[in-house]
PDB file of all heavy atoms in Angstrom:
ATOM      1  N   LYS A   1     185.580 158.536 204.595  1.00  0.00           N
ATOM      2  CA  LYS A   1     184.142 158.743 204.712  1.00  0.00           C
ATOM      3  C   LYS A   1     183.438 158.321 203.424  1.00  0.00           C
ATOM      4  O   LYS A   1     183.872 158.636 202.334  1.00  0.00           O
ATOM      5  CB  LYS A   1     183.848 160.217 205.011  1.00  0.00           C
ATOM      6  CG  LYS A   1     182.402 160.495 205.345  1.00  0.00           C
ATOM      7  CD  LYS A   1     182.191 161.961 205.699  1.00  0.00           C
ATOM      8  CE  LYS A   1     180.718 162.236 206.008  1.00  0.00           C
ATOM      9  NZ  LYS A   1     180.476 163.665 206.338  1.00  0.00           N
ATOM     10  N   GLY A   2     182.325 157.616 203.578  1.00  0.00           N
ATOM     11  CA  GLY A   2     181.559 157.178 202.418  1.00  0.00           C
ATOM     12  C   GLY A   2     182.070 155.909 201.766  1.00  0.00           C
ATOM     13  O   GLY A   2     181.592 155.522 200.696  1.00  0.00           O
ATOM     14  N   LYS A   3     183.047 155.236 202.390  1.00  0.00           N
ATOM     15  CA  LYS A   3     183.582 153.995 201.860  1.00  0.00           C
ATOM     16  C   LYS A   3     182.927 152.812 202.565  1.00  0.00           C
ATOM     17  O   LYS A   3     182.594 152.889 203.757  1.00  0.00           O
ATOM     18  CB  LYS A   3     185.100 153.920 202.039  1.00  0.00           C
ATOM     19  CG  LYS A   3     185.862 155.085 201.416  1.00  0.00           C
ATOM     20  CD  LYS A   3     185.751 155.105 199.907  1.00  0.00           C
ATOM     21  CE  LYS A   3     186.577 156.234 199.311  1.00  0.00           C
ATOM     22  NZ  LYS A   3     186.439 156.322 197.853  1.00  0.00           N
ATOM     23  N   TYR A   4     182.769 151.709 201.829  1.00  0.00           N
ATOM     24  CA  TYR A   4     182.098 150.538 202.372  1.00  0.00           C
ATOM     25  C   TYR A   4     182.962 149.294 202.199  1.00  0.00           C
ATOM     26  O   TYR A   4     183.700 149.163 201.220  1.00  0.00           O
ATOM     27  CB  TYR A   4     180.752 150.326 201.688  1.00  0.00           C
ATOM     28  CG  TYR A   4     179.708 151.351 202.096  1.00  0.00           C
ATOM     29  CD1 TYR A   4     179.695 152.623 201.538  1.00  0.00           C
ATOM     30  CD2 TYR A   4     178.754 151.057 203.062  1.00  0.00           C
ATOM     31  CE1 TYR A   4     178.759 153.570 201.915  1.00  0.00           C
ATOM     32  CE2 TYR A   4     177.807 151.993 203.446  1.00  0.00           C
ATOM     33  CZ  TYR A   4     177.818 153.238 202.882  1.00  0.00           C
ATOM     34  OH  TYR A   4     176.887 154.173 203.264  1.00  0.00           O
ATOM     35  N   GLN A   5     182.855 148.398 203.156  1.00  0.00           N
ATOM     36  CA  GLN A   5     183.533 147.115 203.075  1.00  0.00           C
ATOM     37  C   GLN A   5     182.508 145.990 202.981  1.00  0.00           C
ATOM     38  O   GLN A   5     181.322 146.183 203.280  1.00  0.00           O
ATOM     39  CB  GLN A   5     184.444 146.899 204.281  1.00  0.00           C
ATOM     40  CG  GLN A   5     183.706 146.829 205.619  1.00  0.00           C
ATOM     41  CD  GLN A   5     184.637 146.636 206.790  1.00  0.00           C
ATOM     42  OE1 GLN A   5     185.720 146.077 206.645  1.00  0.00           O
ATOM     43  NE2 GLN A   5     184.241 147.068 207.982  1.00  0.00           N
ATOM     44  N   LEU A   6     182.984 144.818 202.591  1.00  0.00           N
ATOM     45  CA  LEU A   6     182.104 143.666 202.404  1.00  0.00           C
ATOM     46  C   LEU A   6     182.014 142.847 203.681  1.00  0.00           C
ATOM     47  O   LEU A   6     183.020 142.612 204.357  1.00  0.00           O
ATOM     48  CB  LEU A   6     182.629 142.784 201.272  1.00  0.00           C
ATOM     49  CG  LEU A   6     182.685 143.420 199.881  1.00  0.00           C
ATOM     50  CD1 LEU A   6     183.437 142.507 198.906  1.00  0.00           C
ATOM     51  CD2 LEU A   6     181.291 143.694 199.356  1.00  0.00           C
ATOM     52  N   VAL A   7     180.817 142.417 203.998  1.00  0.00           N
ATOM     53  CA  VAL A   7     180.583 141.464 205.082  1.00  0.00           C
ATOM     54  C   VAL A   7     179.627 140.392 204.555  1.00  0.00           C
ATOM     55  O   VAL A   7     179.063 140.524 203.469  1.00  0.00           O
ATOM     56  CB  VAL A   7     179.988 142.142 206.345  1.00  0.00           C
ATOM     57  CG1 VAL A   7     180.988 143.109 206.947  1.00  0.00           C
ATOM     58  CG2 VAL A   7     178.666 142.831 206.037  1.00  0.00           C
ATOM     59  N   VAL A   8     179.448 139.347 205.333  1.00  0.00           N
ATOM     60  CA  VAL A   8     178.515 138.276 204.977  1.00  0.00           C
ATOM     61  C   VAL A   8     177.146 138.629 205.544  1.00  0.00           C
ATOM     62  O   VAL A   8     177.038 138.999 206.709  1.00  0.00           O
ATOM     63  CB  VAL A   8     178.991 136.927 205.533  1.00  0.00           C
ATOM     64  CG1 VAL A   8     178.006 135.815 205.160  1.00  0.00           C
ATOM     65  CG2 VAL A   8     180.387 136.600 205.017  1.00  0.00           C
ATOM     66  N   LYS A   9     176.108 138.531 204.717  1.00  0.00           N
ATOM     67  CA  LYS A   9     174.771 138.864 205.206  1.00  0.00           C
ATOM     68  C   LYS A   9     174.318 137.842 206.238  1.00  0.00           C
ATOM     69  O   LYS A   9     174.758 136.677 206.233  1.00  0.00           O
ATOM     70  CB  LYS A   9     173.778 138.973 204.052  1.00  0.00           C
ATOM     71  CG  LYS A   9     173.277 137.683 203.475  1.00  0.00           C
ATOM     72  CD  LYS A   9     172.167 137.957 202.465  1.00  0.00           C
ATOM     73  CE  LYS A   9     171.520 136.640 201.987  1.00  0.00           C
ATOM     74  NZ  LYS A   9     170.432 136.891 201.012  1.00  0.00           N
ATOM     75  N   GLU A  10     173.426 138.246 207.106  1.00  0.00           N
ATOM     76  CA  GLU A  10     173.010 137.436 208.237  1.00  0.00           C
ATOM     77  C   GLU A  10     172.423 136.095 207.803  1.00  0.00           C
ATOM     78  O   GLU A  10     172.665 135.059 208.429  1.00  0.00           O
ATOM     79  CB  GLU A  10     172.000 138.201 209.089  1.00  0.00           C
ATOM     80  CG  GLU A  10     171.688 137.558 210.433  1.00  0.00           C
ATOM     81  CD  GLU A  10     172.929 137.338 211.291  1.00  0.00           C
ATOM     82  OE1 GLU A  10     173.846 138.178 211.255  1.00  0.00           O
ATOM     83  OE2 GLU A  10     172.983 136.293 211.997  1.00  0.00           O
ATOM     84  N   GLY A  11     171.628 136.096 206.749  1.00  0.00           N
ATOM     85  CA  GLY A  11     171.022 134.849 206.269  1.00  0.00           C
ATOM     86  C   GLY A  11     172.049 133.799 205.882  1.00  0.00           C
ATOM     87  O   GLY A  11     171.828 132.599 206.078  1.00  0.00           O
ATOM     88  N   SER A  12     173.187 134.233 205.336  1.00  0.00           N
ATOM     89  CA  SER A  12     174.247 133.304 204.948  1.00  0.00           C
ATOM     90  C   SER A  12     174.923 132.695 206.171  1.00  0.00           C
ATOM     91  O   SER A  12     175.315 131.528 206.161  1.00  0.00           O
ATOM     92  CB  SER A  12     175.279 134.015 204.068  1.00  0.00           C
ATOM     93  OG  SER A  12     174.675 134.516 202.881  1.00  0.00           O
ATOM     94  N   TRP A  13     175.064 133.499 207.236  1.00  0.00           N
ATOM     95  CA  TRP A  13     175.592 132.961 208.489  1.00  0.00           C
ATOM     96  C   TRP A  13     174.663 131.898 209.059  1.00  0.00           C
ATOM     97  O   TRP A  13     175.114 130.832 209.507  1.00  0.00           O
ATOM     98  CB  TRP A  13     175.768 134.078 209.526  1.00  0.00           C
ATOM     99  CG  TRP A  13     176.966 134.948 209.323  1.00  0.00           C
ATOM    100  CD1 TRP A  13     176.972 136.269 209.008  1.00  0.00           C
ATOM    101  CD2 TRP A  13     178.348 134.566 209.426  1.00  0.00           C
ATOM    102  NE1 TRP A  13     178.259 136.737 208.909  1.00  0.00           N
ATOM    103  CE2 TRP A  13     179.131 135.713 209.165  1.00  0.00           C
ATOM    104  CE3 TRP A  13     178.990 133.377 209.720  1.00  0.00           C
ATOM    105  CZ2 TRP A  13     180.515 135.698 209.171  1.00  0.00           C
ATOM    106  CZ3 TRP A  13     180.382 133.352 209.734  1.00  0.00           C
ATOM    107  CH2 TRP A  13     181.132 134.496 209.466  1.00  0.00           C
ATOM    108  N   GLN A  14     173.376 132.176 209.051  1.00  0.00           N
ATOM    109  CA  GLN A  14     172.411 131.227 209.591  1.00  0.00           C
ATOM    110  C   GLN A  14     172.413 129.919 208.804  1.00  0.00           C
ATOM    111  O   GLN A  14     172.314 128.831 209.371  1.00  0.00           O
ATOM    112  CB  GLN A  14     171.009 131.847 209.592  1.00  0.00           C
ATOM    113  CG  GLN A  14     170.854 133.038 210.538  1.00  0.00           C
ATOM    114  CD  GLN A  14     171.191 132.698 211.975  1.00  0.00           C
ATOM    115  OE1 GLN A  14     170.851 131.610 212.471  1.00  0.00           O
ATOM    116  NE2 GLN A  14     171.865 133.605 212.664  1.00  0.00           N
ATOM    117  N   SER A  15     172.513 130.051 207.472  1.00  0.00           N
ATOM    118  CA  SER A  15     172.564 128.861 206.623  1.00  0.00           C
ATOM    119  C   SER A  15     173.800 128.015 206.931  1.00  0.00           C
ATOM    120  O   SER A  15     173.722 126.786 206.997  1.00  0.00           O
ATOM    121  CB  SER A  15     172.560 129.281 205.153  1.00  0.00           C
ATOM    122  OG  SER A  15     172.693 128.185 204.296  1.00  0.00           O
ATOM    123  N   LEU A  16     174.945 128.684 207.127  1.00  0.00           N
ATOM    124  CA  LEU A  16     176.174 127.965 207.474  1.00  0.00           C
ATOM    125  C   LEU A  16     176.019 127.235 208.800  1.00  0.00           C
ATOM    126  O   LEU A  16     176.393 126.057 208.922  1.00  0.00           O
ATOM    127  CB  LEU A  16     177.350 128.940 207.543  1.00  0.00           C
ATOM    128  CG  LEU A  16     178.667 128.353 208.082  1.00  0.00           C
ATOM    129  CD1 LEU A  16     179.214 127.305 207.136  1.00  0.00           C
ATOM    130  CD2 LEU A  16     179.703 129.463 208.316  1.00  0.00           C
ATOM    131  N   LYS A  17     175.482 127.923 209.809  1.00  0.00           N
ATOM    132  CA  LYS A  17     175.323 127.297 211.121  1.00  0.00           C
ATOM    133  C   LYS A  17     174.410 126.076 211.068  1.00  0.00           C
ATOM    134  O   LYS A  17     174.664 125.076 211.752  1.00  0.00           O
ATOM    135  CB  LYS A  17     174.786 128.314 212.132  1.00  0.00           C
ATOM    136  CG  LYS A  17     175.806 129.360 212.565  1.00  0.00           C
ATOM    137  CD  LYS A  17     175.407 130.076 213.830  1.00  0.00           C
ATOM    138  CE  LYS A  17     175.544 129.233 215.068  1.00  0.00           C
ATOM    139  NZ  LYS A  17     175.346 129.996 216.335  1.00  0.00           N
ATOM    140  N   GLN A  18     173.370 126.133 210.249  1.00  0.00           N
ATOM    141  CA  GLN A  18     172.475 124.990 210.119  1.00  0.00           C
ATOM    142  C   GLN A  18     173.200 123.790 209.530  1.00  0.00           C
ATOM    143  O   GLN A  18     173.005 122.648 209.961  1.00  0.00           O
ATOM    144  CB  GLN A  18     171.276 125.360 209.249  1.00  0.00           C
ATOM    145  CG  GLN A  18     170.290 126.320 209.911  1.00  0.00           C
ATOM    146  CD  GLN A  18     169.670 125.757 211.186  1.00  0.00           C
ATOM    147  OE1 GLN A  18     169.333 124.575 211.267  1.00  0.00           O
ATOM    148  NE2 GLN A  18     169.524 126.605 212.193  1.00  0.00           N
ATOM    149  N   ARG A  19     174.060 124.037 208.551  1.00  0.00           N
ATOM    150  CA  ARG A  19     174.816 122.937 207.926  1.00  0.00           C
ATOM    151  C   ARG A  19     175.838 122.355 208.907  1.00  0.00           C
ATOM    152  O   ARG A  19     176.005 121.128 208.993  1.00  0.00           O
ATOM    153  CB  ARG A  19     175.514 123.443 206.669  1.00  0.00           C
ATOM    154  CG  ARG A  19     174.554 123.854 205.562  1.00  0.00           C
ATOM    155  CD  ARG A  19     175.287 124.486 204.399  1.00  0.00           C
ATOM    156  NE  ARG A  19     176.053 123.497 203.659  1.00  0.00           N
ATOM    157  CZ  ARG A  19     176.891 123.814 202.654  1.00  0.00           C
ATOM    158  NH1 ARG A  19     177.055 125.083 202.310  1.00  0.00           N
ATOM    159  NH2 ARG A  19     177.550 122.875 202.022  1.00  0.00           N
ATOM    160  N   LEU A  20     176.515 123.217 209.652  1.00  0.00           N
ATOM    161  CA  LEU A  20     177.491 122.748 210.625  1.00  0.00           C
ATOM    162  C   LEU A  20     176.806 121.999 211.766  1.00  0.00           C
ATOM    163  O   LEU A  20     177.332 121.006 212.275  1.00  0.00           O
ATOM    164  CB  LEU A  20     178.298 123.927 211.176  1.00  0.00           C
ATOM    165  CG  LEU A  20     179.148 124.709 210.168  1.00  0.00           C
ATOM    166  CD1 LEU A  20     179.869 125.852 210.864  1.00  0.00           C
ATOM    167  CD2 LEU A  20     180.145 123.812 209.461  1.00  0.00           C
ATOM    168  N   LYS A  21     175.633 122.468 212.155  1.00  0.00           N
ATOM    169  CA  LYS A  21     174.880 121.818 213.226  1.00  0.00           C
ATOM    170  C   LYS A  21     174.476 120.401 212.826  1.00  0.00           C
ATOM    171  O   LYS A  21     174.537 119.477 213.630  1.00  0.00           O
ATOM    172  CB  LYS A  21     173.647 122.651 213.569  1.00  0.00           C
ATOM    173  CG  LYS A  21     172.852 122.118 214.767  1.00  0.00           C
ATOM    174  CD  LYS A  21     171.630 122.967 215.055  1.00  0.00           C
ATOM    175  CE  LYS A  21     171.983 124.203 215.764  1.00  0.00           C
ATOM    176  NZ  LYS A  21     170.765 124.977 216.202  1.00  0.00           N
ATOM    177  N   ALA A  22     174.073 120.241 211.547  1.00  0.00           N
ATOM    178  CA  ALA A  22     173.667 118.916 211.067  1.00  0.00           C
ATOM    179  C   ALA A  22     174.836 117.931 211.099  1.00  0.00           C
ATOM    180  O   ALA A  22     174.670 116.758 211.432  1.00  0.00           O
ATOM    181  CB  ALA A  22     173.101 119.031 209.650  1.00  0.00           C
ATOM    182  N   ILE A  23     176.048 118.422 210.772  1.00  0.00           N
ATOM    183  CA  ILE A  23     177.231 117.552 210.752  1.00  0.00           C
ATOM    184  C   ILE A  23     177.662 117.177 212.166  1.00  0.00           C
ATOM    185  O   ILE A  23     178.074 116.045 212.426  1.00  0.00           O
ATOM    186  CB  ILE A  23     178.395 118.242 210.004  1.00  0.00           C
ATOM    187  CG1 ILE A  23     178.015 118.460 208.529  1.00  0.00           C
ATOM    188  CG2 ILE A  23     179.669 117.415 210.104  1.00  0.00           C
ATOM    189  CD1 ILE A  23     178.992 119.333 207.784  1.00  0.00           C
ATOM    190  N   THR A  24     177.553 118.128 213.101  1.00  0.00           N
ATOM    191  CA  THR A  24     178.062 117.908 214.461  1.00  0.00           C
ATOM    192  C   THR A  24     176.964 117.513 215.445  1.00  0.00           C
ATOM    193  O   THR A  24     177.177 117.566 216.659  1.00  0.00           O
ATOM    194  CB  THR A  24     178.763 119.180 214.973  1.00  0.00           C
ATOM    195  OG1 THR A  24     177.855 120.311 214.892  1.00  0.00           O
ATOM    196  CG2 THR A  24     179.998 119.487 214.137  1.00  0.00           C
ATOM    197  N   ARG A  25     175.812 117.149 214.951  1.00  0.00           N
ATOM    198  CA  ARG A  25     174.741 116.695 215.842  1.00  0.00           C
ATOM    199  C   ARG A  25     175.115 115.340 216.430  1.00  0.00           C
ATOM    200  O   ARG A  25     175.539 114.429 215.706  1.00  0.00           O
ATOM    201  CB  ARG A  25     173.431 116.614 215.080  1.00  0.00           C
ATOM    202  CG  ARG A  25     172.205 116.331 215.945  1.00  0.00           C
ATOM    203  CD  ARG A  25     170.925 116.411 215.133  1.00  0.00           C
ATOM    204  NE  ARG A  25     170.588 117.776 214.774  1.00  0.00           N
ATOM    205  CZ  ARG A  25     170.482 118.230 213.525  1.00  0.00           C
ATOM    206  NH1 ARG A  25     170.679 117.407 212.500  1.00  0.00           N
ATOM    207  NH2 ARG A  25     170.179 119.494 213.283  1.00  0.00           N
ATOM    208  N   LYS A  26     174.956 115.191 217.738  1.00  0.00           N
ATOM    209  CA  LYS A  26     175.418 113.970 218.415  1.00  0.00           C
ATOM    210  C   LYS A  26     174.696 112.714 217.940  1.00  0.00           C
ATOM    211  O   LYS A  26     175.240 111.608 218.005  1.00  0.00           O
ATOM    212  CB  LYS A  26     175.261 114.131 219.936  1.00  0.00           C
ATOM    213  CG  LYS A  26     173.835 114.174 220.459  1.00  0.00           C
ATOM    214  CD  LYS A  26     173.815 114.298 221.968  1.00  0.00           C
ATOM    215  CE  LYS A  26     172.418 114.103 222.567  1.00  0.00           C
ATOM    216  NZ  LYS A  26     171.465 114.985 222.213  1.00  0.00           N
ATOM    217  N   THR A  27     173.459 112.875 217.424  1.00  0.00           N
ATOM    218  CA  THR A  27     172.689 111.721 216.958  1.00  0.00           C
ATOM    219  C   THR A  27     172.979 111.350 215.509  1.00  0.00           C
ATOM    220  O   THR A  27     172.485 110.333 215.019  1.00  0.00           O
ATOM    221  CB  THR A  27     171.185 112.001 217.123  1.00  0.00           C
ATOM    222  OG1 THR A  27     170.851 113.226 216.455  1.00  0.00           O
ATOM    223  CG2 THR A  27     170.823 112.114 218.594  1.00  0.00           C
ATOM    224  N   THR A  28     173.771 112.176 214.807  1.00  0.00           N
ATOM    225  CA  THR A  28     174.137 111.859 213.424  1.00  0.00           C
ATOM    226  C   THR A  28     175.058 110.648 213.410  1.00  0.00           C
ATOM    227  O   THR A  28     176.122 110.665 214.040  1.00  0.00           O
ATOM    228  CB  THR A  28     174.834 113.059 212.752  1.00  0.00           C
ATOM    229  OG1 THR A  28     173.952 114.176 212.744  1.00  0.00           O
ATOM    230  CG2 THR A  28     175.223 112.721 211.321  1.00  0.00           C
ATOM    231  N   PRO A  29     174.690 109.579 212.708  1.00  0.00           N
ATOM    232  CA  PRO A  29     175.533 108.370 212.702  1.00  0.00           C
ATOM    233  C   PRO A  29     176.793 108.566 211.860  1.00  0.00           C
ATOM    234  O   PRO A  29     176.767 108.396 210.645  1.00  0.00           O
ATOM    235  CB  PRO A  29     174.605 107.310 212.091  1.00  0.00           C
ATOM    236  CG  PRO A  29     173.645 108.098 211.239  1.00  0.00           C
ATOM    237  CD  PRO A  29     173.457 109.423 211.918  1.00  0.00           C
ATOM    238  N   ALA A  30     177.883 108.937 212.506  1.00  0.00           N
ATOM    239  CA  ALA A  30     179.140 109.165 211.796  1.00  0.00           C
ATOM    240  C   ALA A  30     180.305 109.072 212.770  1.00  0.00           C
ATOM    241  O   ALA A  30     180.178 109.404 213.949  1.00  0.00           O
ATOM    242  CB  ALA A  30     179.138 110.541 211.127  1.00  0.00           C
ATOM    243  N   THR A  31     181.441 108.613 212.281  1.00  0.00           N
ATOM    244  CA  THR A  31     182.654 108.602 213.088  1.00  0.00           C
ATOM    245  C   THR A  31     183.223 110.016 213.165  1.00  0.00           C
ATOM    246  O   THR A  31     182.847 110.893 212.386  1.00  0.00           O
ATOM    247  CB  THR A  31     183.708 107.665 212.486  1.00  0.00           C
ATOM    248  OG1 THR A  31     184.101 108.180 211.197  1.00  0.00           O
ATOM    249  CG2 THR A  31     183.157 106.257 212.325  1.00  0.00           C
ATOM    250  N   LEU A  32     184.160 110.214 214.079  1.00  0.00           N
ATOM    251  CA  LEU A  32     184.777 111.536 214.194  1.00  0.00           C
ATOM    252  C   LEU A  32     185.532 111.901 212.918  1.00  0.00           C
ATOM    253  O   LEU A  32     185.496 113.054 212.484  1.00  0.00           O
ATOM    254  CB  LEU A  32     185.729 111.565 215.400  1.00  0.00           C
ATOM    255  CG  LEU A  32     186.352 112.940 215.722  1.00  0.00           C
ATOM    256  CD1 LEU A  32     185.271 113.956 216.075  1.00  0.00           C
ATOM    257  CD2 LEU A  32     187.379 112.819 216.840  1.00  0.00           C
ATOM    258  N   ALA A  33     186.184 110.942 212.295  1.00  0.00           N
ATOM    259  CA  ALA A  33     186.917 111.191 211.049  1.00  0.00           C
ATOM    260  C   ALA A  33     185.969 111.639 209.940  1.00  0.00           C
ATOM    261  O   ALA A  33     186.281 112.543 209.167  1.00  0.00           O
ATOM    262  CB  ALA A  33     187.678 109.943 210.625  1.00  0.00           C
ATOM    263  N   GLU A  34     184.805 110.997 209.859  1.00  0.00           N
ATOM    264  CA  GLU A  34     183.804 111.382 208.860  1.00  0.00           C
ATOM    265  C   GLU A  34     183.280 112.789 209.125  1.00  0.00           C
ATOM    266  O   GLU A  34     183.089 113.578 208.191  1.00  0.00           O
ATOM    267  CB  GLU A  34     182.656 110.379 208.856  1.00  0.00           C
ATOM    268  CG  GLU A  34     183.038 109.006 208.291  1.00  0.00           C
ATOM    269  CD  GLU A  34     181.958 107.963 208.510  1.00  0.00           C
ATOM    270  OE1 GLU A  34     181.088 108.157 209.397  1.00  0.00           O
ATOM    271  OE2 GLU A  34     181.997 106.930 207.809  1.00  0.00           O
ATOM    272  N   ARG A  35     183.044 113.103 210.393  1.00  0.00           N
ATOM    273  CA  ARG A  35     182.593 114.463 210.741  1.00  0.00           C
ATOM    274  C   ARG A  35     183.639 115.495 210.343  1.00  0.00           C
ATOM    275  O   ARG A  35     183.309 116.532 209.779  1.00  0.00           O
ATOM    276  CB  ARG A  35     182.309 114.563 212.235  1.00  0.00           C
ATOM    277  CG  ARG A  35     181.130 113.749 212.731  1.00  0.00           C
ATOM    278  CD  ARG A  35     180.919 113.977 214.231  1.00  0.00           C
ATOM    279  NE  ARG A  35     180.078 112.974 214.834  1.00  0.00           N
ATOM    280  CZ  ARG A  35     178.755 113.033 214.911  1.00  0.00           C
ATOM    281  NH1 ARG A  35     178.123 114.076 214.391  1.00  0.00           N
ATOM    282  NH2 ARG A  35     178.060 112.076 215.504  1.00  0.00           N
ATOM    283  N   MET A  36     184.887 115.224 210.644  1.00  0.00           N
ATOM    284  CA  MET A  36     185.969 116.151 210.319  1.00  0.00           C
ATOM    285  C   MET A  36     186.063 116.376 208.814  1.00  0.00           C
ATOM    286  O   MET A  36     186.261 117.500 208.346  1.00  0.00           O
ATOM    287  CB  MET A  36     187.312 115.614 210.844  1.00  0.00           C
ATOM    288  CG  MET A  36     187.417 115.552 212.359  1.00  0.00           C
ATOM    289  SD  MET A  36     187.404 117.174 213.135  1.00  0.00           S
ATOM    290  CE  MET A  36     187.840 116.704 214.836  1.00  0.00           C
ATOM    291  N   HIS A  37     185.937 115.298 208.049  1.00  0.00           N
ATOM    292  CA  HIS A  37     186.007 115.399 206.585  1.00  0.00           C
ATOM    293  C   HIS A  37     184.867 116.240 206.030  1.00  0.00           C
ATOM    294  O   HIS A  37     185.096 117.130 205.192  1.00  0.00           O
ATOM    295  CB  HIS A  37     185.973 113.994 205.975  1.00  0.00           C
ATOM    296  CG  HIS A  37     186.004 113.986 204.472  1.00  0.00           C
ATOM    297  ND1 HIS A  37     187.112 114.389 203.751  1.00  0.00           N
ATOM    298  CD2 HIS A  37     185.046 113.644 203.561  1.00  0.00           C
ATOM    299  CE1 HIS A  37     186.839 114.289 202.455  1.00  0.00           C
ATOM    300  NE2 HIS A  37     185.592 113.852 202.322  1.00  0.00           N
ATOM    301  N   ARG A  38     183.637 115.996 206.505  1.00  0.00           N
ATOM    302  CA  ARG A  38     182.478 116.757 206.033  1.00  0.00           C
ATOM    303  C   ARG A  38     182.558 118.214 206.465  1.00  0.00           C
ATOM    304  O   ARG A  38     182.197 119.127 205.722  1.00  0.00           O
ATOM    305  CB  ARG A  38     181.201 116.094 206.512  1.00  0.00           C
ATOM    306  CG  ARG A  38     180.892 114.782 205.780  1.00  0.00           C
ATOM    307  CD  ARG A  38     179.913 113.914 206.523  1.00  0.00           C
ATOM    308  NE  ARG A  38     178.619 114.557 206.688  1.00  0.00           N
ATOM    309  CZ  ARG A  38     177.665 114.065 207.466  1.00  0.00           C
ATOM    310  NH1 ARG A  38     177.879 112.953 208.161  1.00  0.00           N
ATOM    311  NH2 ARG A  38     176.505 114.678 207.562  1.00  0.00           N
ATOM    312  N   LEU A  39     183.045 118.444 207.694  1.00  0.00           N
ATOM    313  CA  LEU A  39     183.236 119.815 208.170  1.00  0.00           C
ATOM    314  C   LEU A  39     184.196 120.576 207.270  1.00  0.00           C
ATOM    315  O   LEU A  39     183.947 121.717 206.896  1.00  0.00           O
ATOM    316  CB  LEU A  39     183.769 119.808 209.603  1.00  0.00           C
ATOM    317  CG  LEU A  39     182.771 119.750 210.748  1.00  0.00           C
ATOM    318  CD1 LEU A  39     183.513 119.687 212.078  1.00  0.00           C
ATOM    319  CD2 LEU A  39     181.837 120.948 210.737  1.00  0.00           C
TER     320      LEU A  39
END
């Protein structure tokens, strides 16, 4: 009781998703190998 664990704050999750979305967007001019490397 009274102990706390660490989690990632919501804003950091949203920031990550935006970066991943930019890499995996179908209109982004990149090969699959380039996408995998950036991911």
